[in-house]
């Protein structure tokens, strides 16, 4: 008939070593299924069959008390196996289906959605000190979920799961207080991610490769407690390949690294110049700008004074500039108190659009070319490129020169005048008023980030290499229109005109839909257009939508992160629409074209 004996055998024990701890995930197997034989029944009947409320005892010592319907367990009831494992909840034709709770003799429990006798949907599993809350697929953690590894809830993971393994994007807090947020694969740190060592005061932002602990592997930036910064390649947790070390006092050393040591140092390290009457420390090495590409347009005899005047502008506005950098570098990031992040090119684009810099007769894609500092064509428009504070400030100076050098050509100090004009007229009045579909409200970013990587590949597939002397690849707004036609995504809701309206929403003249169709676009503009179109395409979808319950954690960090997980109905609805658009419409259509 239905269930049988349950052994308190843990699923293959999943012990993971994560840098500063080892833990057991504590999942218990649900009871197996077999035919049961009635020994005794007491209760209501109809037409000679068990019907209504009753209790039954089965051969082998199993019992059931609850509702019957025409001879089968149907409705709410309690089934207890001979070994004291207990299920209390809904039954459909002898099967646990719907909402229910399993309890084991050792105090372990599962409460939530059940389908055909297994955990499936959303639910909470508790075993010893380990608690998992989230989504399930055929009794395996799959989707979004949170696991607490101790009773105090100071050690936890929140993010994506694939068949019981941490995979995708997630945040991990270790018992020591160290925090990692980024990509995972097979329970290990793998891909792009950030690790902060609390006690050591150190931070790493970059690539990881799976290993015993998830090694730093690939390009990355490491911030040492003493103030030094290493930026370059890594291999198996050691500095490897081309790299640069910037000391706290501003000295910079570049060269090749092997086995964590520099083997071909460039000893021509330079220290930033000192402003007359002001200490070097008044700005700090992290605000030392590199603006040679702009100085090339100015007579050589003026280079020193131009550079000095730019530093005066930085000195006057350093507090505001640091605040803006800190604000935009945190967009889409978990709100960790005191958390430090590097600005990405994607976030820089958002700042420039928020400040209407693209209304000054230049596109974001063109600005990428002006501030280019990497000879690799693939890196020119990469949204994931990290940008340190000093590089961010350098970019603003260079952008200001290209936009305003004609307006300010009569100024004594051209670079400083252009930079001041950009800050006073564009940046300061508009910064921090975030627009667009990706970062506003910030909770949406948690949903959208799941699709960033794959959409970046689609964007690259539609880009075309530009004619010489350019070597970069870009696409235009018109390509988006063609792409939707290729993918057969137009319908009565998502029309060509509606897509053009979404694309033109942040242009200088949104009513002139055709004016920007030939403009080159960055990945931010491409991705935000996808999000806007996805919302329109799925606007007919209705709820109800599952809720994510409030956090029980006493940790401020855990509570804060929980708040970003789509608790209000409007965000839940948007999340489901976007998931449906990408997973059931956009990506399947892309796959049919074999463009990636």
Foldseek 3Di string as FASTA:
>chain_A
DWFADADQDADPWDWADAPPDTFTQFHGDFTHIDDWAWDDKDDDDDPPAQAAWIKTATPQGKIKGGGDHRHFQAAWIKIAYNQGWIKTGGDDRNFDAAWIKIAHPVGWMKTDGDDRREAAAWIWTDDAQKIKGGGDHRNFQAAWIKIQRGVQSQWIKTGGDHRNEQAFWIKTQHPQRKIKTGGDDRNEQAAWIKIADVVQRKIKGGGWHDDSNTAQAAWIKIAGNQGKIKTGGDDRNAAAAWIWIAHFQQWIWTAGDDRNHGDGIDPPTDHADDAPPDGPPLQTNLQQADQVLLCVVPDPVCVVVLSNLLVVLCSVCVVVLVVLQQLLQCQLHQPDVVDGGFHFQLSVQQLCLQLVVCQLVHAPLVLLVQLDDDPDQVPSQDRGHTAGSNSSSNSLLSSLCVRCQVVQVVDPNRSSVSSVCCCVRGRVVGGPVTDFDQRVVSLNVSLLVSCLVVLVVVQVLLWDADDPPGGHTWDFQLSVVVVCVLLVLDDPQRHSVNLLLQLLVSYPDSVPSVPRRGPTHGSSSVSRSLLVSLCRSQVPDDDDFDADDQDPHPDPSVNSSVVSNQHDRVSRVSSVSSCCCVVPRVVVSVVVVVSD
